[in-house]
PDB file of all heavy atoms in Angstrom:
ATOM      1  N   MET A   1       0.842  -1.202   0.000  1.00  0.00           N
ATOM      2  CA  MET A   1       0.000   0.000   0.000  1.00  0.00           C
ATOM      3  C   MET A   1       0.871   1.243   0.000  1.00  0.00           C
ATOM      4  O   MET A   1       0.561   2.247  -0.628  1.00  0.00           O
ATOM      5  CB  MET A   1      -0.904   0.027   1.238  1.00  0.00           C
ATOM      6  CG  MET A   1      -2.194  -0.735   1.101  1.00  0.00           C
ATOM      7  SD  MET A   1      -3.281  -0.190  -0.227  1.00  0.00           S
ATOM      8  CE  MET A   1      -3.779   1.444   0.330  1.00  0.00           C
ATOM      9  N   ASP A   2       1.996   1.160   0.716  1.00  0.00           N
ATOM     10  CA  ASP A   2       2.938   2.277   0.841  1.00  0.00           C
ATOM     11  C   ASP A   2       4.330   1.749   0.505  1.00  0.00           C
ATOM     12  O   ASP A   2       4.871   0.919   1.229  1.00  0.00           O
ATOM     13  CB  ASP A   2       2.902   2.827   2.267  1.00  0.00           C
ATOM     14  CG  ASP A   2       3.879   3.982   2.483  1.00  0.00           C
ATOM     15  OD1 ASP A   2       4.634   4.324   1.547  1.00  0.00           O
ATOM     16  OD2 ASP A   2       3.898   4.530   3.604  1.00  0.00           O
ATOM     17  N   ILE A   3       4.884   2.200  -0.600  1.00  0.00           N
ATOM     18  CA  ILE A   3       6.164   1.688  -1.081  1.00  0.00           C
ATOM     19  C   ILE A   3       7.293   1.917  -0.083  1.00  0.00           C
ATOM     20  O   ILE A   3       8.316   1.216  -0.102  1.00  0.00           O
ATOM     21  CB  ILE A   3       6.519   2.327  -2.463  1.00  0.00           C
ATOM     22  CG1 ILE A   3       7.599   1.514  -3.186  1.00  0.00           C
ATOM     23  CG2 ILE A   3       6.906   3.769  -2.322  1.00  0.00           C
ATOM     24  CD1 ILE A   3       7.156   0.158  -3.655  1.00  0.00           C
ATOM     25  N   THR A   4       7.106   2.874   0.840  1.00  0.00           N
ATOM     26  CA  THR A   4       8.139   3.142   1.843  1.00  0.00           C
ATOM     27  C   THR A   4       7.987   2.274   3.096  1.00  0.00           C
ATOM     28  O   THR A   4       8.841   2.297   3.977  1.00  0.00           O
ATOM     29  CB  THR A   4       8.126   4.635   2.266  1.00  0.00           C
ATOM     30  OG1 THR A   4       6.870   4.919   2.915  1.00  0.00           O
ATOM     31  CG2 THR A   4       8.294   5.545   1.066  1.00  0.00           C
ATOM     32  N   ASP A   5       6.892   1.515   3.170  1.00  0.00           N
ATOM     33  CA  ASP A   5       6.639   0.649   4.332  1.00  0.00           C
ATOM     34  C   ASP A   5       6.617  -0.806   3.873  1.00  0.00           C
ATOM     35  O   ASP A   5       5.646  -1.273   3.275  1.00  0.00           O
ATOM     36  CB  ASP A   5       5.304   1.030   4.989  1.00  0.00           C
ATOM     37  CG  ASP A   5       4.983   0.174   6.206  1.00  0.00           C
ATOM     38  OD1 ASP A   5       5.784  -0.736   6.544  1.00  0.00           O
ATOM     39  OD2 ASP A   5       3.920   0.396   6.812  1.00  0.00           O
ATOM     40  N   GLU A   6       7.693  -1.535   4.166  1.00  0.00           N
ATOM     41  CA  GLU A   6       7.846  -2.915   3.700  1.00  0.00           C
ATOM     42  C   GLU A   6       6.766  -3.861   4.219  1.00  0.00           C
ATOM     43  O   GLU A   6       6.537  -4.935   3.651  1.00  0.00           O
ATOM     44  CB  GLU A   6       9.232  -3.453   4.118  1.00  0.00           C
ATOM     45  CG  GLU A   6      10.409  -2.784   3.409  1.00  0.00           C
ATOM     46  CD  GLU A   6      10.517  -3.184   1.945  1.00  0.00           C
ATOM     47  OE1 GLU A   6      10.032  -4.265   1.581  1.00  0.00           O
ATOM     48  OE2 GLU A   6      11.070  -2.391   1.151  1.00  0.00           O
ATOM     49  N   ASP A   7       6.125  -3.493   5.326  1.00  0.00           N
ATOM     50  CA  ASP A   7       5.120  -4.374   5.919  1.00  0.00           C
ATOM     51  C   ASP A   7       3.681  -4.004   5.550  1.00  0.00           C
ATOM     52  O   ASP A   7       2.733  -4.628   6.042  1.00  0.00           O
ATOM     53  CB  ASP A   7       5.257  -4.385   7.447  1.00  0.00           C
ATOM     54  CG  ASP A   7       6.549  -5.047   7.905  1.00  0.00           C
ATOM     55  OD1 ASP A   7       6.973  -6.016   7.245  1.00  0.00           O
ATOM     56  OD2 ASP A   7       7.140  -4.584   8.897  1.00  0.00           O
ATOM     57  N   SER A   8       3.519  -3.014   4.667  1.00  0.00           N
ATOM     58  CA  SER A   8       2.159  -2.576   4.302  1.00  0.00           C
ATOM     59  C   SER A   8       1.599  -3.434   3.156  1.00  0.00           C
ATOM     60  O   SER A   8       1.102  -2.926   2.162  1.00  0.00           O
ATOM     61  CB  SER A   8       2.166  -1.092   3.903  1.00  0.00           C
ATOM     62  OG  SER A   8       2.956  -0.885   2.745  1.00  0.00           O
ATOM     63  N   VAL A   9       1.669  -4.739   3.353  1.00  0.00           N
ATOM     64  CA  VAL A   9       1.284  -5.688   2.300  1.00  0.00           C
ATOM     65  C   VAL A   9      -0.239  -5.754   2.150  1.00  0.00           C
ATOM     66  O   VAL A   9      -0.961  -5.873   3.143  1.00  0.00           O
ATOM     67  CB  VAL A   9       1.841  -7.095   2.607  1.00  0.00           C
ATOM     68  CG1 VAL A   9       1.338  -8.117   1.593  1.00  0.00           C
ATOM     69  CG2 VAL A   9       3.362  -7.066   2.636  1.00  0.00           C
ATOM     70  N   VAL A  10      -0.698  -5.675   0.910  1.00  0.00           N
ATOM     71  CA  VAL A  10      -2.108  -5.934   0.605  1.00  0.00           C
ATOM     72  C   VAL A  10      -2.232  -7.444   0.480  1.00  0.00           C
ATOM     73  O   VAL A  10      -1.766  -8.034  -0.486  1.00  0.00           O
ATOM     74  CB  VAL A  10      -2.541  -5.247  -0.702  1.00  0.00           C
ATOM     75  CG1 VAL A  10      -4.037  -5.449  -0.940  1.00  0.00           C
ATOM     76  CG2 VAL A  10      -2.187  -3.771  -0.693  1.00  0.00           C
ATOM     77  N   LYS A  11      -2.863  -8.092   1.463  1.00  0.00           N
ATOM     78  CA  LYS A  11      -2.851  -9.560   1.516  1.00  0.00           C
ATOM     79  C   LYS A  11      -3.717 -10.215   0.449  1.00  0.00           C
ATOM     80  O   LYS A  11      -3.381 -11.296  -0.036  1.00  0.00           O
ATOM     81  CB  LYS A  11      -3.278 -10.043   2.909  1.00  0.00           C
ATOM     82  CG  LYS A  11      -2.213  -9.854   3.982  1.00  0.00           C
ATOM     83  CD  LYS A  11      -2.604 -10.635   5.230  1.00  0.00           C
ATOM     84  CE  LYS A  11      -1.503 -10.557   6.261  1.00  0.00           C
ATOM     85  NZ  LYS A  11      -1.810 -11.380   7.456  1.00  0.00           N
ATOM     86  N   TYR A  12      -4.839  -9.576   0.113  1.00  0.00           N
ATOM     87  CA  TYR A  12      -5.748 -10.177  -0.871  1.00  0.00           C
ATOM     88  C   TYR A  12      -6.181  -9.128  -1.891  1.00  0.00           C
ATOM     89  O   TYR A  12      -6.569  -8.026  -1.527  1.00  0.00           O
ATOM     90  CB  TYR A  12      -6.990 -10.759  -0.172  1.00  0.00           C
ATOM     91  CG  TYR A  12      -6.646 -11.855   0.804  1.00  0.00           C
ATOM     92  CD1 TYR A  12      -6.560 -11.576   2.163  1.00  0.00           C
ATOM     93  CD2 TYR A  12      -6.389 -13.156   0.371  1.00  0.00           C
ATOM     94  CE1 TYR A  12      -6.226 -12.574   3.074  1.00  0.00           C
ATOM     95  CE2 TYR A  12      -6.052 -14.154   1.272  1.00  0.00           C
ATOM     96  CZ  TYR A  12      -5.967 -13.864   2.622  1.00  0.00           C
ATOM     97  OH  TYR A  12      -5.626 -14.839   3.502  1.00  0.00           O
ATOM     98  N   ILE A  13      -6.091  -9.519  -3.149  1.00  0.00           N
ATOM     99  CA  ILE A  13      -6.537  -8.627  -4.228  1.00  0.00           C
ATOM    100  C   ILE A  13      -7.439  -9.430  -5.158  1.00  0.00           C
ATOM    101  O   ILE A  13      -7.016 -10.462  -5.702  1.00  0.00           O
ATOM    102  CB  ILE A  13      -5.348  -8.051  -5.028  1.00  0.00           C
ATOM    103  CG1 ILE A  13      -4.443  -7.206  -4.117  1.00  0.00           C
ATOM    104  CG2 ILE A  13      -5.850  -7.206  -6.201  1.00  0.00           C
ATOM    105  CD1 ILE A  13      -3.190  -6.677  -4.823  1.00  0.00           C
ATOM    106  N   ASP A  14      -8.676  -8.957  -5.324  1.00  0.00           N
ATOM    107  CA  ASP A  14      -9.543  -9.519  -6.353  1.00  0.00           C
ATOM    108  C   ASP A  14      -9.772  -8.436  -7.412  1.00  0.00           C
ATOM    109  O   ASP A  14      -9.153  -7.359  -7.358  1.00  0.00           O
ATOM    110  CB  ASP A  14     -10.859 -10.050  -5.774  1.00  0.00           C
ATOM    111  CG  ASP A  14     -11.675  -8.974  -5.077  1.00  0.00           C
ATOM    112  OD1 ASP A  14     -11.373  -7.770  -5.235  1.00  0.00           O
ATOM    113  OD2 ASP A  14     -12.641  -9.328  -4.357  1.00  0.00           O
ATOM    114  N   THR A  15     -10.643  -8.692  -8.361  1.00  0.00           N
ATOM    115  CA  THR A  15     -10.837  -7.749  -9.474  1.00  0.00           C
ATOM    116  C   THR A  15     -11.258  -6.365  -8.986  1.00  0.00           C
ATOM    117  O   THR A  15     -10.745  -5.337  -9.458  1.00  0.00           O
ATOM    118  CB  THR A  15     -11.887  -8.306 -10.459  1.00  0.00           C
ATOM    119  OG1 THR A  15     -11.515  -9.642 -10.830  1.00  0.00           O
ATOM    120  CG2 THR A  15     -11.950  -7.459 -11.720  1.00  0.00           C
ATOM    121  N   ASN A  16     -12.186  -6.317  -8.032  1.00  0.00           N
ATOM    122  CA  ASN A  16     -12.663  -5.024  -7.519  1.00  0.00           C
ATOM    123  C   ASN A  16     -11.564  -4.272  -6.777  1.00  0.00           C
ATOM    124  O   ASN A  16     -11.381  -3.059  -6.960  1.00  0.00           O
ATOM    125  CB  ASN A  16     -13.875  -5.230  -6.602  1.00  0.00           C
ATOM    126  CG  ASN A  16     -15.109  -5.660  -7.368  1.00  0.00           C
ATOM    127  OD1 ASN A  16     -15.253  -5.335  -8.547  1.00  0.00           O
ATOM    128  ND2 ASN A  16     -15.991  -6.405  -6.712  1.00  0.00           N
ATOM    129  N   LYS A  17     -10.835  -5.002  -5.927  1.00  0.00           N
ATOM    130  CA  LYS A  17      -9.730  -4.391  -5.176  1.00  0.00           C
ATOM    131  C   LYS A  17      -8.657  -3.878  -6.136  1.00  0.00           C
ATOM    132  O   LYS A  17      -8.068  -2.816  -5.922  1.00  0.00           O
ATOM    133  CB  LYS A  17      -9.143  -5.416  -4.205  1.00  0.00           C
ATOM    134  CG  LYS A  17      -8.030  -4.881  -3.304  1.00  0.00           C
ATOM    135  CD  LYS A  17      -8.563  -3.911  -2.258  1.00  0.00           C
ATOM    136  CE  LYS A  17      -7.501  -3.524  -1.255  1.00  0.00           C
ATOM    137  NZ  LYS A  17      -7.985  -2.534  -0.281  1.00  0.00           N
ATOM    138  N   TYR A  18      -8.417  -4.635  -7.186  1.00  0.00           N
ATOM    139  CA  TYR A  18      -7.421  -4.254  -8.197  1.00  0.00           C
ATOM    140  C   TYR A  18      -7.786  -2.909  -8.825  1.00  0.00           C
ATOM    141  O   TYR A  18      -6.931  -2.016  -8.955  1.00  0.00           O
ATOM    142  CB  TYR A  18      -7.347  -5.348  -9.261  1.00  0.00           C
ATOM    143  CG  TYR A  18      -6.389  -5.088 -10.389  1.00  0.00           C
ATOM    144  CD1 TYR A  18      -5.052  -4.781 -10.162  1.00  0.00           C
ATOM    145  CD2 TYR A  18      -6.820  -5.165 -11.720  1.00  0.00           C
ATOM    146  CE1 TYR A  18      -4.173  -4.564 -11.208  1.00  0.00           C
ATOM    147  CE2 TYR A  18      -5.951  -4.946 -12.777  1.00  0.00           C
ATOM    148  CZ  TYR A  18      -4.630  -4.645 -12.513  1.00  0.00           C
ATOM    149  OH  TYR A  18      -3.767  -4.431 -13.558  1.00  0.00           O
ATOM    150  N   ARG A  19      -9.068  -2.747  -9.162  1.00  0.00           N
ATOM    151  CA  ARG A  19      -9.516  -1.471  -9.755  1.00  0.00           C
ATOM    152  C   ARG A  19      -9.309  -0.321  -8.780  1.00  0.00           C
ATOM    153  O   ARG A  19      -8.872   0.762  -9.158  1.00  0.00           O
ATOM    154  CB  ARG A  19     -10.997  -1.566 -10.144  1.00  0.00           C
ATOM    155  CG  ARG A  19     -11.269  -2.432 -11.359  1.00  0.00           C
ATOM    156  CD  ARG A  19     -12.633  -2.138 -11.962  1.00  0.00           C
ATOM    157  NE  ARG A  19     -13.048  -3.234 -12.834  1.00  0.00           N
ATOM    158  CZ  ARG A  19     -13.850  -4.232 -12.466  1.00  0.00           C
ATOM    159  NH1 ARG A  19     -14.329  -4.255 -11.227  1.00  0.00           N
ATOM    160  NH2 ARG A  19     -14.175  -5.172 -13.314  1.00  0.00           N
ATOM    161  N   GLN A  20      -9.631  -0.553  -7.501  1.00  0.00           N
ATOM    162  CA  GLN A  20      -9.441   0.487  -6.474  1.00  0.00           C
ATOM    163  C   GLN A  20      -7.967   0.888  -6.357  1.00  0.00           C
ATOM    164  O   GLN A  20      -7.638   2.080  -6.305  1.00  0.00           O
ATOM    165  CB  GLN A  20      -9.917  -0.038  -5.112  1.00  0.00           C
ATOM    166  CG  GLN A  20     -11.414  -0.200  -4.966  1.00  0.00           C
ATOM    167  CD  GLN A  20     -11.772  -0.887  -3.641  1.00  0.00           C
ATOM    168  OE1 GLN A  20     -10.964  -0.932  -2.715  1.00  0.00           O
ATOM    169  NE2 GLN A  20     -12.984  -1.424  -3.567  1.00  0.00           N
ATOM    170  N   LEU A  21      -7.096  -0.108  -6.326  1.00  0.00           N
ATOM    171  CA  LEU A  21      -5.663   0.157  -6.169  1.00  0.00           C
ATOM    172  C   LEU A  21      -5.090   0.883  -7.386  1.00  0.00           C
ATOM    173  O   LEU A  21      -4.203   1.727  -7.252  1.00  0.00           O
ATOM    174  CB  LEU A  21      -4.901  -1.155  -5.927  1.00  0.00           C
ATOM    175  CG  LEU A  21      -5.228  -1.873  -4.606  1.00  0.00           C
ATOM    176  CD1 LEU A  21      -4.559  -3.243  -4.568  1.00  0.00           C
ATOM    177  CD2 LEU A  21      -4.793  -1.033  -3.407  1.00  0.00           C
ATOM    178  N   LEU A  22      -5.626   0.574  -8.552  1.00  0.00           N
ATOM    179  CA  LEU A  22      -5.209   1.283  -9.772  1.00  0.00           C
ATOM    180  C   LEU A  22      -5.623   2.756  -9.691  1.00  0.00           C
ATOM    181  O   LEU A  22      -4.826   3.652  -9.997  1.00  0.00           O
ATOM    182  CB  LEU A  22      -5.837   0.641 -11.011  1.00  0.00           C
ATOM    183  CG  LEU A  22      -5.182  -0.621 -11.586  1.00  0.00           C
ATOM    184  CD1 LEU A  22      -6.031  -1.184 -12.709  1.00  0.00           C
ATOM    185  CD2 LEU A  22      -3.770  -0.334 -12.092  1.00  0.00           C
ATOM    186  N   GLU A  23      -6.855   2.992  -9.286  1.00  0.00           N
ATOM    187  CA  GLU A  23      -7.369   4.366  -9.173  1.00  0.00           C
ATOM    188  C   GLU A  23      -6.592   5.167  -8.137  1.00  0.00           C
ATOM    189  O   GLU A  23      -6.369   6.366  -8.296  1.00  0.00           O
ATOM    190  CB  GLU A  23      -8.861   4.339  -8.807  1.00  0.00           C
ATOM    191  CG  GLU A  23      -9.763   3.899  -9.946  1.00  0.00           C
ATOM    192  CD  GLU A  23     -11.191   3.604  -9.489  1.00  0.00           C
ATOM    193  OE1 GLU A  23     -11.508   3.874  -8.305  1.00  0.00           O
ATOM    194  OE2 GLU A  23     -11.978   3.088 -10.318  1.00  0.00           O
ATOM    195  N   GLN A  24      -6.156   4.478  -7.061  1.00  0.00           N
ATOM    196  CA  GLN A  24      -5.394   5.153  -5.999  1.00  0.00           C
ATOM    197  C   GLN A  24      -3.919   5.326  -6.357  1.00  0.00           C
ATOM    198  O   GLN A  24      -3.183   5.999  -5.632  1.00  0.00           O
ATOM    199  CB  GLN A  24      -5.504   4.336  -4.697  1.00  0.00           C
ATOM    200  CG  GLN A  24      -6.900   4.309  -4.096  1.00  0.00           C
ATOM    201  CD  GLN A  24      -7.046   3.229  -3.016  1.00  0.00           C
ATOM    202  OE1 GLN A  24      -6.083   2.571  -2.644  1.00  0.00           O
ATOM    203  NE2 GLN A  24      -8.259   3.060  -2.515  1.00  0.00           N
ATOM    204  N   GLY A  25      -3.501   4.734  -7.468  1.00  0.00           N
ATOM    205  CA  GLY A  25      -2.096   4.835  -7.880  1.00  0.00           C
ATOM    206  C   GLY A  25      -1.170   3.937  -7.081  1.00  0.00           C
ATOM    207  O   GLY A  25       0.060   4.074  -7.150  1.00  0.00           O
ATOM    208  N   VAL A  26      -1.756   2.988  -6.320  1.00  0.00           N
ATOM    209  CA  VAL A  26      -0.935   2.057  -5.523  1.00  0.00           C
ATOM    210  C   VAL A  26      -0.210   1.090  -6.452  1.00  0.00           C
ATOM    211  O   VAL A  26       0.971   0.772  -6.261  1.00  0.00           O
ATOM    212  CB  VAL A  26      -1.817   1.278  -4.507  1.00  0.00           C
ATOM    213  CG1 VAL A  26      -1.020   0.158  -3.835  1.00  0.00           C
ATOM    214  CG2 VAL A  26      -2.385   2.238  -3.463  1.00  0.00           C
ATOM    215  N   ILE A  27      -0.920   0.609  -7.472  1.00  0.00           N
ATOM    216  CA  ILE A  27      -0.308  -0.269  -8.472  1.00  0.00           C
ATOM    217  C   ILE A  27       0.130   0.582  -9.649  1.00  0.00           C
ATOM    218  O   ILE A  27      -0.706   1.173 -10.344  1.00  0.00           O
ATOM    219  CB  ILE A  27      -1.287  -1.375  -8.910  1.00  0.00           C
ATOM    220  CG1 ILE A  27      -1.586  -2.293  -7.726  1.00  0.00           C
ATOM    221  CG2 ILE A  27      -0.715  -2.178 -10.070  1.00  0.00           C
ATOM    222  CD1 ILE A  27      -2.699  -3.284  -7.976  1.00  0.00           C
ATOM    223  N   ALA A  28       1.429   0.672  -9.829  1.00  0.00           N
ATOM    224  CA  ALA A  28       1.995   1.507 -10.897  1.00  0.00           C
ATOM    225  C   ALA A  28       3.381   0.988 -11.247  1.00  0.00           C
ATOM    226  O   ALA A  28       3.898   0.050 -10.633  1.00  0.00           O
ATOM    227  CB  ALA A  28       2.068   2.966 -10.436  1.00  0.00           C
ATOM    228  N   ASP A  29       3.985   1.598 -12.241  1.00  0.00           N
ATOM    229  CA  ASP A  29       5.366   1.291 -12.652  1.00  0.00           C
ATOM    230  C   ASP A  29       5.555  -0.211 -12.885  1.00  0.00           C
ATOM    231  O   ASP A  29       4.764  -0.827 -13.574  1.00  0.00           O
ATOM    232  CB  ASP A  29       6.367   1.818 -11.612  1.00  0.00           C
ATOM    233  CG  ASP A  29       6.220   3.316 -11.377  1.00  0.00           C
ATOM    234  OD1 ASP A  29       5.942   4.029 -12.362  1.00  0.00           O
ATOM    235  OD2 ASP A  29       6.343   3.768 -10.228  1.00  0.00           O
ATOM    236  N   GLY A  30       6.593  -0.791 -12.275  1.00  0.00           N
ATOM    237  CA  GLY A  30       6.933  -2.191 -12.529  1.00  0.00           C
ATOM    238  C   GLY A  30       5.906  -3.182 -12.035  1.00  0.00           C
ATOM    239  O   GLY A  30       5.834  -4.312 -12.528  1.00  0.00           O
ATOM    240  N   MET A  31       5.081  -2.779 -11.052  1.00  0.00           N
ATOM    241  CA  MET A  31       4.063  -3.691 -10.532  1.00  0.00           C
ATOM    242  C   MET A  31       2.890  -3.832 -11.497  1.00  0.00           C
ATOM    243  O   MET A  31       2.187  -4.847 -11.491  1.00  0.00           O
ATOM    244  CB  MET A  31       3.575  -3.197  -9.159  1.00  0.00           C
ATOM    245  CG  MET A  31       2.725  -4.191  -8.395  1.00  0.00           C
ATOM    246  SD  MET A  31       3.480  -5.814  -8.145  1.00  0.00           S
ATOM    247  CE  MET A  31       4.702  -5.419  -6.895  1.00  0.00           C
TER     248      MET A  31
END
């Protein structure tokens, strides 16, 4: 969730969560 926090792992991602993370800019660049 936060690239500066190694422990801020998103444990589960489904299609809806994926869309949310894209909109929030959490998933970007190499990911």
